[in-house]
């Protein structure tokens, strides 16, 4: 039994069974955006957390929107990606239907807006003998600004997998979690390799950045979460709560807590400064996605590998 401190254990998660297994908040925290197994994204209001009260934004795609990101400055703008259709889709919540669709040549697994909203950072799955890549797409034209992968990003062999990409707190760097257990650090917007740290045995699967700019947390196949000082890239503490591969990590809005999810059916919340375990939260299945509210201690999670088994959950609301 893990020791716990007072905190999130007082809250009961609010779950909704839906065709989504990925979540992100819009920039003002008034809406939650989800995607996964629908041909669009779904927008939720936390105060009325029911699917019948959510809004479906659809795109002219044949397959599911498997990745989505909310604009960092405009609360109504959303970008989604369909891996199978090889499209980027853009929505304005105030309008019906997609505002723009862009054909791309990569199978996108993850998207994130740059800090100024000018580019989309995309993690792409390699096809055939191609390595996984990270790319920047211009949000106005859809053109590829830069693309890098394999040994050019410092992850070893050209066939090395990328499991997660993330901008740092200022948007000036890009972190890439790799199948070698390393975290590559790239310049933005050139995507030139700057450095790397070896943080895990075998594979690093997840990265989370403290919005205060002090820490980065990583999770790996060794069932560990490591918290790093980004000034000197020293591992300050290791959090050994998980019992299987850590697949998602995220810092709370004030950086005080780290949420982590592994391949088991629970997530853990830990105090970032002390490493003390705060609470363990049961989930319907593996939580594949974690997202903290931008200004409140509310944690959204989502999971489910197949349509009909997927779900989203909120923790921290009374």
Foldseek 3Di string as FASTA:
>chain_A
DADADDDQVVWAKDKEADQFQAWEAAQQLQWIWTWAWDQFIKIHGVVPPYRVPIDTAHEPDPTTFHEKEHQNPDRQKMWTAAQVQQKIFIPGNVDHYTPDIDHDDFRFNYWYAANNRQWIWTWGPDDDQAAIKIWIAGPVPRDTPEMDAAPQQPQHGRNKHWQDWDAELNRQWIWTWIQQQKIWIAGPPHRGTDDMDRHDHRTWHEWEYQNVRQWIWTWAQVQKIFIAGVVVRDGPDIANPGDGGWHYWYAALRRQWIWIWHQAQWIWIAGPVPSRTHDIHGHLGTFNYWYHRNPDRKIKTWRDDDGPSIMIIITDDD
